[in-house]
Amino acid sequence: MKTKTLYKADGDRLKIDRFPCFHVTGSIAGMKKLFYGKDALLVRCGSWIYNVSKEPRIYYIAH
């Protein structure tokens, strides 16, 4: 499963903590299958993976 990475400073600036998230040890495939849907846009920032589907510009800013 593909995720992009966002630097912590950028995550703070974009207030990424307002989006739903799960720890990096969780299953990306499982979260997409059970909760977010297969087309969810996921971004890793620090030790968390955030679902930024409601604001796709964040996904395209990430590396």
Protein backbone atom coordinates (compact mmCIF):
# COMPACT_ATOMS: atom_id res chain seq x y z
CA MET A 1 0.00 0.00 0.00
CA LYS A 2 1.31 3.42 -0.89
CA THR A 3 1.62 6.32 1.51
CA LYS A 4 3.55 9.55 1.21
CA THR A 5 5.72 11.14 3.88
CA LEU A 6 5.32 14.60 5.34
CA TYR A 7 7.94 16.29 7.52
CA LYS A 8 6.81 17.02 11.09
CA ALA A 9 7.28 20.77 10.62
CA ASP A 10 5.03 20.68 7.54
CA GLY A 11 2.49 18.57 9.42
CA ASP A 12 2.38 21.13 12.22
CA ARG A 13 2.03 23.99 9.77
CA LEU A 14 -0.84 22.23 7.92
CA LYS A 15 -2.48 21.15 11.22
CA ILE A 16 -2.50 17.52 10.12
CA ASP A 17 -3.55 16.38 13.60
CA ARG A 18 -7.18 17.29 12.77
CA PHE A 19 -7.44 14.26 10.46
CA PRO A 20 -8.17 10.65 11.50
CA CYS A 21 -5.02 8.64 12.10
CA PHE A 22 -3.52 5.35 13.24
CA HIS A 23 -0.06 4.29 14.42
CA VAL A 24 2.54 3.19 11.85
CA THR A 25 2.49 -0.33 13.32
CA GLY A 26 -1.12 -0.69 12.14
CA SER A 27 -2.16 -2.30 8.88
CA ILE A 28 -2.63 0.12 6.00
CA ALA A 29 -4.49 -2.50 3.98
CA GLY A 30 -6.77 -3.29 6.93
CA MET A 31 -7.58 0.35 7.64
CA LYS A 32 -8.39 0.99 3.99
CA LYS A 33 -10.52 -2.14 3.78
CA LEU A 34 -12.45 -1.64 7.02
CA PHE A 35 -12.65 2.12 7.50
CA TYR A 36 -11.29 4.49 4.85
CA GLY A 37 -11.99 2.87 1.48
CA LYS A 38 -9.55 1.71 -1.16
CA ASP A 39 -9.03 5.20 -2.63
CA ALA A 40 -8.04 6.87 0.66
CA LEU A 41 -5.09 9.26 0.54
CA LEU A 42 -2.73 8.38 3.39
CA VAL A 43 0.21 10.44 4.61
CA ARG A 44 2.80 9.40 7.20
CA CYS A 45 3.95 12.12 9.58
CA GLY A 46 6.15 11.05 12.47
CA SER A 47 4.79 7.86 14.04
CA TRP A 48 1.28 8.29 12.66
CA ILE A 49 -0.47 7.71 9.35
CA TYR A 50 -3.20 10.24 8.56
CA ASN A 51 -6.16 9.98 6.20
CA VAL A 52 -6.11 13.30 4.31
CA SER A 53 -8.74 12.38 1.72
CA LYS A 54 -10.88 15.40 2.66
CA GLU A 55 -7.99 17.72 1.77
CA PRO A 56 -6.09 16.09 -1.14
CA ARG A 57 -3.68 19.01 -1.57
CA ILE A 58 -1.82 17.77 1.54
CA TYR A 59 -1.26 14.39 -0.15
CA TYR A 60 0.24 16.07 -3.20
CA ILE A 61 2.50 18.32 -1.07
CA ALA A 62 4.00 15.25 0.67
CA HIS A 63 7.03 13.36 -0.67
